[in-house]
Amino acid sequence: MTARPHQHQITRRLLLLGVSAGALSACSGAYLAAEVGSDLDEGGFGTPTANNILILTGQLDYVVALAERFAREVPNTVTFAFDSAELDPAAQHILAQQARWMRHFPEVTFRVFGHTDLVGSERYNRGLGLRRARAAANFIVRQGISRRRVEAVVSNGETQPLIPTPDRERQNRRAVTEVSGFVQDNARILNGEYARVVHREYVESAVRAPNTP
């Protein structure tokens, strides 16, 4: 059985990025000791820079819309056996569904977050979470999704349990796939046509109603 974060949790994660936009205006003319958004947990993969790009280029609203749609239309979470990063058949089935969704939006990039339960040391669990994230990301790539679109694999280790318990808990042993942004050298993105990306599938899948007598 897999666990899926509520839609508002994903939206909240993305909307938190807006904090850096307010900081830009508040710090006008002042010396910035650190990159705007550097207080966000970036897991060593440059998330503050990515956050700022989304805000300053006007992409954030469309990333939020796509993130909500992804979480609504496909399962975004797979779980693991205790102390394992192996993907069981149920997890592989879910990741295959994710890859099929991704193929409809070739301009969109994704990030995979690995998690563990609270059994074991924090250092060990950080590494285990990373192995789980990599296992999920690698499976998605094997389904034909470009490696450059699965932007990064990030480990949250034991720090974000769905169920706060010191015991073994499968729902905490998970990898979560989320929309992270757009492929930046895509011509459609450089032209700022974000809304076309979000709604294209609906338009292209429309079928003309048959004429009625």
N, C-alpha and C. Protein backbone atom coordinates (compact mmCIF):
# COMPACT_ATOMS: atom_id res chain seq x y z
N MET A 1 0.84 -1.20 0.00
CA MET A 1 0.00 0.00 0.00
C MET A 1 0.87 1.23 0.00
N THR A 2 0.61 2.16 -0.86
CA THR A 2 1.43 3.36 -0.95
C THR A 2 0.71 4.53 -0.32
N ALA A 3 1.51 5.54 0.09
CA ALA A 3 0.95 6.74 0.71
C ALA A 3 1.23 7.92 -0.18
N ARG A 4 0.23 8.77 -0.36
CA ARG A 4 0.41 9.95 -1.19
C ARG A 4 0.23 11.21 -0.37
N PRO A 5 1.14 12.18 -0.46
CA PRO A 5 0.95 13.42 0.26
C PRO A 5 -0.30 14.11 -0.24
N HIS A 6 -0.96 14.87 0.64
CA HIS A 6 -2.11 15.64 0.22
C HIS A 6 -1.67 16.70 -0.78
N GLN A 7 -2.59 17.06 -1.67
CA GLN A 7 -2.30 18.04 -2.73
C GLN A 7 -1.80 19.34 -2.14
N HIS A 8 -2.41 19.78 -1.01
CA HIS A 8 -2.02 21.08 -0.47
C HIS A 8 -0.60 21.06 0.07
N GLN A 9 -0.07 19.86 0.45
CA GLN A 9 1.30 19.80 0.93
C GLN A 9 2.28 20.10 -0.20
N ILE A 10 2.00 19.59 -1.40
CA ILE A 10 2.88 19.85 -2.55
C ILE A 10 2.79 21.32 -2.93
N THR A 11 1.55 21.84 -2.96
CA THR A 11 1.39 23.26 -3.29
C THR A 11 2.14 24.12 -2.29
N ARG A 12 2.05 23.75 -1.00
CA ARG A 12 2.73 24.54 0.02
C ARG A 12 4.23 24.53 -0.20
N ARG A 13 4.80 23.34 -0.55
CA ARG A 13 6.25 23.26 -0.78
C ARG A 13 6.67 24.23 -1.88
N LEU A 14 5.86 24.29 -2.95
CA LEU A 14 6.20 25.16 -4.07
C LEU A 14 5.94 26.62 -3.75
N LEU A 15 4.85 26.90 -3.03
CA LEU A 15 4.54 28.29 -2.72
C LEU A 15 5.52 28.89 -1.73
N LEU A 16 6.18 28.04 -0.94
CA LEU A 16 7.22 28.54 -0.05
C LEU A 16 8.34 29.22 -0.82
N LEU A 17 8.48 28.86 -2.09
CA LEU A 17 9.51 29.48 -2.90
C LEU A 17 9.26 30.98 -3.05
N GLY A 18 8.00 31.41 -2.92
CA GLY A 18 7.67 32.81 -3.08
C GLY A 18 8.27 33.70 -2.02
N VAL A 19 8.75 33.12 -0.93
CA VAL A 19 9.38 33.91 0.12
C VAL A 19 10.54 34.72 -0.44
N SER A 20 11.29 34.12 -1.37
CA SER A 20 12.46 34.81 -1.90
C SER A 20 12.08 36.01 -2.73
N ALA A 21 10.89 36.00 -3.35
CA ALA A 21 10.46 37.16 -4.13
C ALA A 21 10.25 38.36 -3.23
N GLY A 22 9.63 38.15 -2.04
CA GLY A 22 9.45 39.25 -1.11
C GLY A 22 10.76 39.76 -0.59
N ALA A 23 11.72 38.85 -0.42
CA ALA A 23 13.02 39.28 0.08
C ALA A 23 13.73 40.18 -0.90
N LEU A 24 13.49 40.01 -2.18
CA LEU A 24 14.15 40.85 -3.17
C LEU A 24 13.78 42.31 -2.99
N SER A 25 12.48 42.58 -2.80
CA SER A 25 12.06 43.96 -2.65
C SER A 25 12.46 44.52 -1.30
N ALA A 26 12.45 43.67 -0.26
CA ALA A 26 12.78 44.14 1.08
C ALA A 26 14.25 44.50 1.21
N CYS A 27 15.08 43.92 0.37
CA CYS A 27 16.52 44.13 0.49
C CYS A 27 17.06 45.08 -0.56
N SER A 28 16.19 45.88 -1.16
CA SER A 28 16.63 46.80 -2.20
C SER A 28 17.71 47.73 -1.67
N GLY A 29 18.84 47.75 -2.34
CA GLY A 29 19.94 48.63 -1.98
C GLY A 29 20.78 48.11 -0.84
N ALA A 30 20.41 46.99 -0.26
CA ALA A 30 21.15 46.46 0.88
C ALA A 30 22.08 45.36 0.43
N TYR A 31 23.12 45.12 1.22
CA TYR A 31 24.07 44.06 0.90
C TYR A 31 23.44 42.71 1.25
N LEU A 32 23.47 41.78 0.30
CA LEU A 32 22.93 40.45 0.53
C LEU A 32 24.07 39.53 0.95
N ALA A 33 24.01 39.05 2.18
CA ALA A 33 25.08 38.20 2.68
C ALA A 33 25.02 36.81 2.07
N ALA A 34 23.84 36.38 1.61
CA ALA A 34 23.68 35.05 1.02
C ALA A 34 22.68 35.14 -0.10
N GLU A 35 22.69 34.14 -0.93
CA GLU A 35 21.75 34.08 -2.04
C GLU A 35 20.33 34.06 -1.51
N VAL A 36 19.45 34.83 -2.15
CA VAL A 36 18.05 34.81 -1.77
C VAL A 36 17.52 33.39 -1.91
N GLY A 37 16.84 32.92 -0.88
CA GLY A 37 16.33 31.56 -0.90
C GLY A 37 17.29 30.54 -0.33
N SER A 38 18.46 30.99 0.15
CA SER A 38 19.44 30.04 0.64
C SER A 38 19.03 29.39 1.95
N ASP A 39 17.98 29.94 2.59
CA ASP A 39 17.50 29.33 3.83
C ASP A 39 16.68 28.08 3.57
N LEU A 40 16.30 27.86 2.31
CA LEU A 40 15.55 26.65 1.98
C LEU A 40 16.48 25.44 2.02
N ASP A 41 15.93 24.30 2.42
CA ASP A 41 16.72 23.08 2.46
C ASP A 41 16.96 22.60 1.04
N GLU A 42 18.19 22.83 0.55
CA GLU A 42 18.44 22.54 -0.85
C GLU A 42 19.11 21.19 -1.07
N GLY A 43 19.43 20.48 -0.01
CA GLY A 43 19.92 19.12 -0.16
C GLY A 43 21.19 18.99 -0.98
N GLY A 44 21.90 20.10 -1.19
CA GLY A 44 23.15 20.04 -1.93
C GLY A 44 22.99 20.05 -3.43
N PHE A 45 21.78 20.33 -3.95
CA PHE A 45 21.55 20.27 -5.38
C PHE A 45 21.19 21.63 -5.99
N GLY A 46 21.43 22.73 -5.26
CA GLY A 46 21.22 24.05 -5.85
C GLY A 46 19.78 24.50 -5.91
N THR A 47 18.93 24.05 -4.97
CA THR A 47 17.53 24.42 -5.01
C THR A 47 17.29 25.93 -4.89
N PRO A 48 18.03 26.69 -4.05
CA PRO A 48 17.78 28.13 -4.01
C PRO A 48 17.89 28.80 -5.37
N THR A 49 18.90 28.43 -6.15
CA THR A 49 19.04 29.00 -7.49
C THR A 49 17.87 28.63 -8.37
N ALA A 50 17.46 27.37 -8.33
CA ALA A 50 16.31 26.93 -9.13
C ALA A 50 15.05 27.66 -8.71
N ASN A 51 14.86 27.85 -7.40
CA ASN A 51 13.68 28.57 -6.91
C ASN A 51 13.63 29.97 -7.47
N ASN A 52 14.78 30.66 -7.42
CA ASN A 52 14.81 32.05 -7.88
C ASN A 52 14.56 32.17 -9.37
N ILE A 53 15.06 31.20 -10.14
CA ILE A 53 14.81 31.21 -11.58
C ILE A 53 13.31 31.11 -11.85
N LEU A 54 12.63 30.21 -11.12
CA LEU A 54 11.19 30.06 -11.31
C LEU A 54 10.45 31.37 -11.02
N ILE A 55 10.84 32.05 -9.96
CA ILE A 55 10.16 33.29 -9.58
C ILE A 55 10.46 34.41 -10.56
N LEU A 56 11.72 34.61 -10.88
CA LEU A 56 12.12 35.76 -11.69
C LEU A 56 11.72 35.62 -13.15
N THR A 57 11.49 34.39 -13.62
CA THR A 57 11.09 34.20 -15.01
C THR A 57 9.59 33.96 -15.16
N GLY A 58 8.87 34.03 -14.07
CA GLY A 58 7.42 33.91 -14.15
C GLY A 58 6.92 32.48 -14.31
N GLN A 59 7.75 31.50 -14.02
CA GLN A 59 7.35 30.11 -14.22
C GLN A 59 6.61 29.51 -13.03
N LEU A 60 6.71 30.13 -11.85
CA LEU A 60 6.28 29.48 -10.63
C LEU A 60 4.82 29.07 -10.67
N ASP A 61 3.91 29.95 -11.13
CA ASP A 61 2.49 29.63 -11.15
C ASP A 61 2.21 28.37 -11.95
N TYR A 62 2.92 28.20 -13.07
CA TYR A 62 2.68 27.05 -13.93
C TYR A 62 3.30 25.79 -13.36
N VAL A 63 4.42 25.93 -12.64
CA VAL A 63 5.00 24.77 -11.95
C VAL A 63 4.04 24.29 -10.87
N VAL A 64 3.44 25.21 -10.12
CA VAL A 64 2.47 24.84 -9.10
C VAL A 64 1.29 24.11 -9.74
N ALA A 65 0.78 24.65 -10.86
CA ALA A 65 -0.36 24.03 -11.52
C ALA A 65 -0.03 22.62 -11.99
N LEU A 66 1.15 22.45 -12.57
CA LEU A 66 1.55 21.12 -13.04
C LEU A 66 1.79 20.17 -11.87
N ALA A 67 2.36 20.68 -10.76
CA ALA A 67 2.60 19.83 -9.60
C ALA A 67 1.28 19.31 -9.04
N GLU A 68 0.28 20.19 -8.96
CA GLU A 68 -1.02 19.77 -8.47
C GLU A 68 -1.65 18.74 -9.40
N ARG A 69 -1.50 18.96 -10.70
CA ARG A 69 -2.08 18.04 -11.67
C ARG A 69 -1.38 16.68 -11.61
N PHE A 70 -0.06 16.68 -11.50
CA PHE A 70 0.70 15.43 -11.42
C PHE A 70 0.25 14.62 -10.20
N ALA A 71 0.14 15.28 -9.03
CA ALA A 71 -0.25 14.59 -7.80
C ALA A 71 -1.70 14.10 -7.87
N ARG A 72 -2.52 14.78 -8.66
CA ARG A 72 -3.92 14.41 -8.78
C ARG A 72 -4.13 13.23 -9.74
N GLU A 73 -3.31 13.15 -10.79
CA GLU A 73 -3.58 12.20 -11.87
C GLU A 73 -2.79 10.90 -11.77
N VAL A 74 -1.66 10.91 -11.07
CA VAL A 74 -0.88 9.67 -10.92
C VAL A 74 -0.39 9.56 -9.48
N PRO A 75 -0.18 8.33 -8.98
CA PRO A 75 0.43 8.19 -7.65
C PRO A 75 1.85 8.75 -7.70
N ASN A 76 2.21 9.59 -6.75
CA ASN A 76 3.55 10.18 -6.79
C ASN A 76 4.49 9.58 -5.76
N THR A 77 4.06 8.53 -5.06
CA THR A 77 4.85 7.96 -3.97
C THR A 77 4.96 6.45 -4.11
N VAL A 78 6.17 5.94 -3.90
CA VAL A 78 6.39 4.49 -3.79
C VAL A 78 7.02 4.21 -2.43
N THR A 79 6.77 3.03 -1.89
CA THR A 79 7.31 2.67 -0.59
C THR A 79 8.25 1.47 -0.71
N PHE A 80 9.01 1.24 0.36
CA PHE A 80 10.07 0.23 0.34
C PHE A 80 9.98 -0.67 1.56
N ALA A 81 10.55 -1.87 1.41
CA ALA A 81 10.70 -2.76 2.55
C ALA A 81 11.74 -2.18 3.51
N PHE A 82 11.77 -2.69 4.72
CA PHE A 82 12.69 -2.18 5.74
C PHE A 82 14.15 -2.33 5.30
N ASP A 83 14.91 -1.26 5.46
CA ASP A 83 16.35 -1.24 5.16
C ASP A 83 16.63 -1.66 3.71
N SER A 84 15.77 -1.27 2.79
CA SER A 84 15.91 -1.69 1.39
C SER A 84 15.68 -0.51 0.46
N ALA A 85 16.37 -0.53 -0.67
CA ALA A 85 16.12 0.41 -1.75
C ALA A 85 15.66 -0.31 -3.01
N GLU A 86 15.23 -1.58 -2.84
CA GLU A 86 14.75 -2.36 -3.97
C GLU A 86 13.30 -1.99 -4.29
N LEU A 87 13.01 -1.89 -5.59
CA LEU A 87 11.66 -1.56 -6.03
C LEU A 87 10.87 -2.86 -6.22
N ASP A 88 9.79 -3.02 -5.46
CA ASP A 88 8.96 -4.20 -5.65
C ASP A 88 8.03 -3.99 -6.84
N PRO A 89 7.28 -5.00 -7.27
CA PRO A 89 6.41 -4.85 -8.45
C PRO A 89 5.40 -3.71 -8.32
N ALA A 90 4.86 -3.48 -7.12
CA ALA A 90 3.90 -2.39 -6.94
C ALA A 90 4.57 -1.04 -7.18
N ALA A 91 5.78 -0.87 -6.67
CA ALA A 91 6.51 0.38 -6.88
C ALA A 91 6.84 0.57 -8.35
N GLN A 92 7.26 -0.48 -9.02
CA GLN A 92 7.59 -0.38 -10.44
C GLN A 92 6.36 0.01 -11.25
N HIS A 93 5.21 -0.52 -10.90
CA HIS A 93 3.97 -0.18 -11.60
C HIS A 93 3.66 1.31 -11.45
N ILE A 94 3.82 1.84 -10.25
CA ILE A 94 3.56 3.26 -10.01
C ILE A 94 4.54 4.13 -10.79
N LEU A 95 5.81 3.78 -10.76
CA LEU A 95 6.82 4.57 -11.47
C LEU A 95 6.60 4.54 -12.98
N ALA A 96 6.11 3.41 -13.49
CA ALA A 96 5.78 3.34 -14.92
C ALA A 96 4.64 4.29 -15.24
N GLN A 97 3.66 4.41 -14.34
CA GLN A 97 2.59 5.38 -14.54
C GLN A 97 3.13 6.80 -14.55
N GLN A 98 4.06 7.09 -13.63
CA GLN A 98 4.67 8.42 -13.60
C GLN A 98 5.37 8.72 -14.92
N ALA A 99 6.12 7.74 -15.44
CA ALA A 99 6.85 7.95 -16.69
C ALA A 99 5.90 8.21 -17.85
N ARG A 100 4.78 7.50 -17.89
CA ARG A 100 3.80 7.75 -18.95
C ARG A 100 3.27 9.17 -18.88
N TRP A 101 3.02 9.67 -17.68
CA TRP A 101 2.55 11.05 -17.52
C TRP A 101 3.63 12.02 -17.99
N MET A 102 4.87 11.76 -17.63
CA MET A 102 5.98 12.64 -17.99
C MET A 102 6.14 12.76 -19.51
N ARG A 103 5.84 11.69 -20.23
CA ARG A 103 6.01 11.72 -21.68
C ARG A 103 5.05 12.71 -22.33
N HIS A 104 3.94 13.03 -21.68
CA HIS A 104 3.00 14.02 -22.23
C HIS A 104 3.53 15.44 -22.10
N PHE A 105 4.52 15.66 -21.22
CA PHE A 105 5.03 17.00 -20.95
C PHE A 105 6.55 17.00 -21.05
N PRO A 106 7.10 16.93 -22.27
CA PRO A 106 8.55 16.82 -22.43
C PRO A 106 9.32 18.04 -21.98
N GLU A 107 8.64 19.16 -21.73
CA GLU A 107 9.33 20.37 -21.27
C GLU A 107 9.52 20.40 -19.76
N VAL A 108 8.89 19.47 -19.04
CA VAL A 108 8.82 19.54 -17.58
C VAL A 108 9.90 18.68 -16.94
N THR A 109 10.48 19.18 -15.84
CA THR A 109 11.50 18.44 -15.10
C THR A 109 10.94 18.02 -13.74
N PHE A 110 11.61 17.04 -13.13
CA PHE A 110 11.11 16.43 -11.90
C PHE A 110 12.26 16.22 -10.91
N ARG A 111 11.90 16.12 -9.65
CA ARG A 111 12.87 15.81 -8.60
C ARG A 111 12.29 14.68 -7.75
N VAL A 112 13.15 13.76 -7.35
CA VAL A 112 12.73 12.62 -6.54
C VAL A 112 13.33 12.77 -5.14
N PHE A 113 12.47 12.69 -4.12
CA PHE A 113 12.89 12.83 -2.73
C PHE A 113 12.82 11.47 -2.04
N GLY A 114 13.93 11.06 -1.43
CA GLY A 114 13.97 9.80 -0.71
C GLY A 114 13.78 10.00 0.78
N HIS A 115 13.06 9.08 1.43
CA HIS A 115 12.76 9.16 2.86
C HIS A 115 12.96 7.80 3.52
N THR A 116 13.13 7.83 4.83
CA THR A 116 13.23 6.59 5.62
C THR A 116 12.33 6.70 6.85
N ASP A 117 12.19 5.56 7.55
CA ASP A 117 11.56 5.65 8.87
C ASP A 117 12.63 6.07 9.89
N LEU A 118 12.29 6.08 11.15
CA LEU A 118 13.20 6.62 12.17
C LEU A 118 14.10 5.57 12.80
N VAL A 119 14.07 4.35 12.28
CA VAL A 119 14.94 3.30 12.80
C VAL A 119 16.33 3.45 12.20
N GLY A 120 17.37 3.50 13.04
CA GLY A 120 18.73 3.66 12.54
C GLY A 120 19.24 5.07 12.76
N SER A 121 20.54 5.28 12.51
CA SER A 121 21.15 6.59 12.73
C SER A 121 20.74 7.57 11.63
N GLU A 122 20.81 8.86 11.94
CA GLU A 122 20.46 9.87 10.95
C GLU A 122 21.38 9.79 9.73
N ARG A 123 22.67 9.58 9.97
CA ARG A 123 23.62 9.51 8.85
C ARG A 123 23.30 8.32 7.94
N TYR A 124 23.04 7.16 8.54
CA TYR A 124 22.72 5.99 7.72
C TYR A 124 21.44 6.21 6.93
N ASN A 125 20.44 6.79 7.57
CA ASN A 125 19.17 7.01 6.90
C ASN A 125 19.26 8.04 5.78
N ARG A 126 20.15 9.01 5.94
CA ARG A 126 20.36 9.96 4.85
C ARG A 126 20.85 9.23 3.60
N GLY A 127 21.80 8.32 3.79
CA GLY A 127 22.30 7.54 2.65
C GLY A 127 21.26 6.60 2.09
N LEU A 128 20.46 5.99 2.96
CA LEU A 128 19.42 5.07 2.51
C LEU A 128 18.35 5.83 1.73
N GLY A 129 17.98 7.02 2.20
CA GLY A 129 17.01 7.83 1.47
C GLY A 129 17.51 8.18 0.08
N LEU A 130 18.81 8.46 -0.02
CA LEU A 130 19.39 8.78 -1.32
C LEU A 130 19.35 7.58 -2.26
N ARG A 131 19.64 6.38 -1.73
CA ARG A 131 19.58 5.18 -2.55
C ARG A 131 18.16 4.93 -3.05
N ARG A 132 17.19 5.19 -2.21
CA ARG A 132 15.81 5.01 -2.64
C ARG A 132 15.42 6.01 -3.73
N ALA A 133 15.83 7.25 -3.55
CA ALA A 133 15.54 8.26 -4.57
C ALA A 133 16.20 7.89 -5.90
N ARG A 134 17.44 7.43 -5.84
CA ARG A 134 18.15 7.05 -7.05
C ARG A 134 17.49 5.84 -7.72
N ALA A 135 17.04 4.89 -6.92
CA ALA A 135 16.38 3.71 -7.50
C ALA A 135 15.13 4.13 -8.27
N ALA A 136 14.34 5.03 -7.69
CA ALA A 136 13.13 5.48 -8.36
C ALA A 136 13.47 6.28 -9.61
N ALA A 137 14.43 7.20 -9.50
CA ALA A 137 14.81 8.03 -10.65
C ALA A 137 15.37 7.17 -11.77
N ASN A 138 16.21 6.20 -11.44
CA ASN A 138 16.80 5.35 -12.46
C ASN A 138 15.74 4.52 -13.18
N PHE A 139 14.75 4.06 -12.45
CA PHE A 139 13.67 3.29 -13.08
C PHE A 139 12.91 4.18 -14.07
N ILE A 140 12.62 5.41 -13.68
CA ILE A 140 11.93 6.34 -14.58
C ILE A 140 12.74 6.57 -15.84
N VAL A 141 14.04 6.73 -15.70
CA VAL A 141 14.91 6.95 -16.87
C VAL A 141 14.86 5.73 -17.79
N ARG A 142 14.83 4.53 -17.21
CA ARG A 142 14.78 3.32 -18.02
C ARG A 142 13.46 3.19 -18.79
N GLN A 143 12.46 3.95 -18.40
CA GLN A 143 11.19 3.97 -19.14
C GLN A 143 11.22 4.93 -20.33
N GLY A 144 12.38 5.54 -20.58
CA GLY A 144 12.52 6.41 -21.74
C GLY A 144 12.49 7.89 -21.43
N ILE A 145 12.52 8.28 -20.14
CA ILE A 145 12.54 9.69 -19.77
C ILE A 145 14.00 10.15 -19.69
N SER A 146 14.29 11.28 -20.30
CA SER A 146 15.66 11.78 -20.32
C SER A 146 16.20 11.99 -18.91
N ARG A 147 17.46 11.59 -18.71
CA ARG A 147 18.10 11.79 -17.41
C ARG A 147 18.10 13.26 -17.00
N ARG A 148 18.24 14.17 -17.95
CA ARG A 148 18.29 15.58 -17.60
C ARG A 148 16.95 16.12 -17.12
N ARG A 149 15.87 15.36 -17.32
CA ARG A 149 14.57 15.81 -16.85
C ARG A 149 14.28 15.35 -15.42
N VAL A 150 14.97 14.31 -14.96
CA VAL A 150 14.87 13.93 -13.55
C VAL A 150 16.01 14.67 -12.87
N GLU A 151 15.71 15.92 -12.48
CA GLU A 151 16.76 16.90 -12.20
C GLU A 151 17.76 16.48 -11.13
N ALA A 152 17.24 15.92 -10.05
CA ALA A 152 18.14 15.59 -8.96
C ALA A 152 17.50 14.52 -8.11
N VAL A 153 18.31 13.81 -7.37
CA VAL A 153 17.79 12.91 -6.37
C VAL A 153 18.21 13.46 -5.02
N VAL A 154 17.27 13.62 -4.12
CA VAL A 154 17.50 14.29 -2.85
C VAL A 154 17.07 13.37 -1.72
N SER A 155 17.86 13.34 -0.64
CA SER A 155 17.50 12.52 0.51
C SER A 155 17.07 13.40 1.67
N ASN A 156 15.85 13.17 2.15
CA ASN A 156 15.40 13.80 3.39
C ASN A 156 15.57 12.86 4.58
N GLY A 157 16.10 11.66 4.30
CA GLY A 157 16.37 10.72 5.38
C GLY A 157 15.16 10.50 6.27
N GLU A 158 15.38 10.61 7.56
CA GLU A 158 14.32 10.37 8.55
C GLU A 158 13.66 11.66 9.01
N THR A 159 13.95 12.79 8.37
CA THR A 159 13.55 14.10 8.90
C THR A 159 12.10 14.47 8.60
N GLN A 160 11.42 13.78 7.67
CA GLN A 160 10.06 14.16 7.31
C GLN A 160 9.14 12.93 7.30
N PRO A 161 8.96 12.29 8.45
CA PRO A 161 8.07 11.11 8.49
C PRO A 161 6.62 11.50 8.27
N LEU A 162 5.90 10.67 7.53
CA LEU A 162 4.46 10.87 7.41
C LEU A 162 3.77 10.48 8.72
N ILE A 163 4.31 9.43 9.36
CA ILE A 163 3.76 8.96 10.63
C ILE A 163 4.90 9.03 11.66
N PRO A 164 4.82 9.97 12.61
CA PRO A 164 5.92 10.13 13.57
C PRO A 164 5.95 9.01 14.61
N THR A 165 6.74 8.00 14.33
CA THR A 165 6.91 6.88 15.26
C THR A 165 8.35 6.41 15.19
N PRO A 166 8.94 6.02 16.32
CA PRO A 166 10.31 5.48 16.30
C PRO A 166 10.38 4.07 15.77
N ASP A 167 9.23 3.43 15.55
CA ASP A 167 9.20 2.05 15.09
C ASP A 167 9.25 1.97 13.56
N ARG A 168 9.36 0.75 13.07
CA ARG A 168 9.33 0.54 11.62
C ARG A 168 7.98 0.98 11.07
N GLU A 169 8.00 1.75 10.00
CA GLU A 169 6.75 2.24 9.41
C GLU A 169 6.93 2.35 7.90
N ARG A 170 6.24 1.51 7.13
CA ARG A 170 6.43 1.47 5.69
C ARG A 170 6.07 2.79 5.01
N GLN A 171 5.04 3.47 5.48
CA GLN A 171 4.66 4.71 4.83
C GLN A 171 5.76 5.77 4.90
N ASN A 172 6.64 5.68 5.89
CA ASN A 172 7.77 6.61 5.98
C ASN A 172 8.92 6.21 5.07
N ARG A 173 8.97 4.94 4.67
CA ARG A 173 10.05 4.45 3.81
C ARG A 173 9.62 4.62 2.36
N ARG A 174 9.86 5.79 1.80
CA ARG A 174 9.23 6.14 0.54
C ARG A 174 10.14 6.99 -0.34
N ALA A 175 9.76 7.06 -1.61
CA ALA A 175 10.36 8.01 -2.56
C ALA A 175 9.21 8.76 -3.20
N VAL A 176 9.32 10.09 -3.23
CA VAL A 176 8.25 10.94 -3.72
C VAL A 176 8.75 11.72 -4.93
N THR A 177 8.01 11.65 -6.03
CA THR A 177 8.36 12.36 -7.26
C THR A 177 7.52 13.63 -7.35
N GLU A 178 8.18 14.76 -7.64
CA GLU A 178 7.48 16.03 -7.73
C GLU A 178 7.95 16.81 -8.96
N VAL A 179 7.05 17.61 -9.51
CA VAL A 179 7.41 18.54 -10.58
C VAL A 179 8.35 19.58 -9.99
N SER A 180 9.44 19.88 -10.70
CA SER A 180 10.39 20.85 -10.18
C SER A 180 10.58 22.07 -11.07
N GLY A 181 10.19 22.01 -12.35
CA GLY A 181 10.40 23.17 -13.20
C GLY A 181 10.29 22.80 -14.67
N PHE A 182 10.97 23.59 -15.50
CA PHE A 182 10.95 23.40 -16.93
C PHE A 182 12.37 23.25 -17.47
N VAL A 183 12.51 22.50 -18.56
CA VAL A 183 13.80 22.41 -19.25
C VAL A 183 14.12 23.78 -19.81
N GLN A 184 15.21 24.38 -19.36
CA GLN A 184 15.42 25.80 -19.62
C GLN A 184 15.87 26.12 -21.04
N ASP A 185 16.38 25.14 -21.80
CA ASP A 185 16.78 25.45 -23.17
C ASP A 185 15.71 25.06 -24.17
N ASN A 186 14.53 24.73 -23.68
CA ASN A 186 13.43 24.41 -24.59
C ASN A 186 12.90 25.70 -25.19
N ALA A 187 12.73 25.74 -26.52
CA ALA A 187 12.32 26.97 -27.20
C ALA A 187 10.98 27.46 -26.70
N ARG A 188 10.08 26.56 -26.41
CA ARG A 188 8.76 26.96 -25.94
C ARG A 188 8.87 27.67 -24.60
N ILE A 189 9.79 27.21 -23.74
CA ILE A 189 9.97 27.83 -22.44
C ILE A 189 10.66 29.18 -22.58
N LEU A 190 11.68 29.25 -23.42
CA LEU A 190 12.38 30.51 -23.60
C LEU A 190 11.47 31.58 -24.15
N ASN A 191 10.46 31.18 -24.89
CA ASN A 191 9.49 32.15 -25.41
C ASN A 191 8.42 32.51 -24.39
N GLY A 192 8.49 31.92 -23.20
CA GLY A 192 7.56 32.26 -22.15
C GLY A 192 6.18 31.68 -22.33
N GLU A 193 6.00 30.62 -23.12
CA GLU A 193 4.67 30.09 -23.40
C GLU A 193 4.31 29.00 -22.39
N TYR A 194 4.38 29.34 -21.11
CA TYR A 194 4.15 28.36 -20.06
C TYR A 194 2.71 27.84 -20.08
N ALA A 195 1.76 28.75 -20.27
CA ALA A 195 0.35 28.34 -20.26
C ALA A 195 0.06 27.33 -21.36
N ARG A 196 0.70 27.49 -22.52
CA ARG A 196 0.50 26.54 -23.62
C ARG A 196 0.97 25.14 -23.20
N VAL A 197 2.06 25.09 -22.42
CA VAL A 197 2.56 23.80 -21.97
C VAL A 197 1.55 23.14 -21.05
N VAL A 198 1.01 23.91 -20.11
CA VAL A 198 0.08 23.38 -19.12
C VAL A 198 -1.19 22.84 -19.77
N HIS A 199 -1.71 23.55 -20.77
CA HIS A 199 -3.01 23.22 -21.34
C HIS A 199 -2.94 22.47 -22.67
N ARG A 200 -1.74 22.27 -23.21
CA ARG A 200 -1.61 21.70 -24.54
C ARG A 200 -2.30 20.34 -24.68
N GLU A 201 -2.11 19.49 -23.68
CA GLU A 201 -2.67 18.14 -23.80
C GLU A 201 -4.18 18.19 -23.91
N TYR A 202 -4.82 19.09 -23.15
CA TYR A 202 -6.27 19.20 -23.23
C TYR A 202 -6.71 19.62 -24.63
N VAL A 203 -5.99 20.59 -25.21
CA VAL A 203 -6.37 21.09 -26.53
C VAL A 203 -6.16 20.02 -27.58
N GLU A 204 -5.01 19.35 -27.54
CA GLU A 204 -4.69 18.37 -28.57
C GLU A 204 -5.56 17.12 -28.47
N SER A 205 -6.08 16.85 -27.28
CA SER A 205 -6.90 15.65 -27.12
C SER A 205 -8.37 15.91 -27.39
N ALA A 206 -8.71 17.17 -27.68
CA ALA A 206 -10.12 17.50 -27.93
C ALA A 206 -10.58 16.82 -29.21
N VAL A 207 -11.83 16.37 -29.21
CA VAL A 207 -12.42 15.71 -30.38
C VAL A 207 -13.66 16.51 -30.79
N ARG A 208 -13.73 16.82 -32.07
CA ARG A 208 -14.88 17.56 -32.57
C ARG A 208 -16.14 16.71 -32.41
N ALA A 209 -17.16 17.31 -31.85
CA ALA A 209 -18.43 16.60 -31.66
C ALA A 209 -19.06 16.32 -33.02
N PRO A 210 -19.63 15.13 -33.22
CA PRO A 210 -20.26 14.80 -34.51
C PRO A 210 -21.45 15.71 -34.77
N ASN A 211 -21.68 16.04 -36.02
CA ASN A 211 -22.81 16.89 -36.38
C ASN A 211 -24.10 16.14 -36.12
N THR A 212 -25.03 16.84 -35.52
CA THR A 212 -26.33 16.22 -35.25
C THR A 212 -27.30 16.62 -36.34
N PRO A 213 -28.18 15.75 -36.75
CA PRO A 213 -29.12 16.05 -37.83
C PRO A 213 -30.07 17.17 -37.42
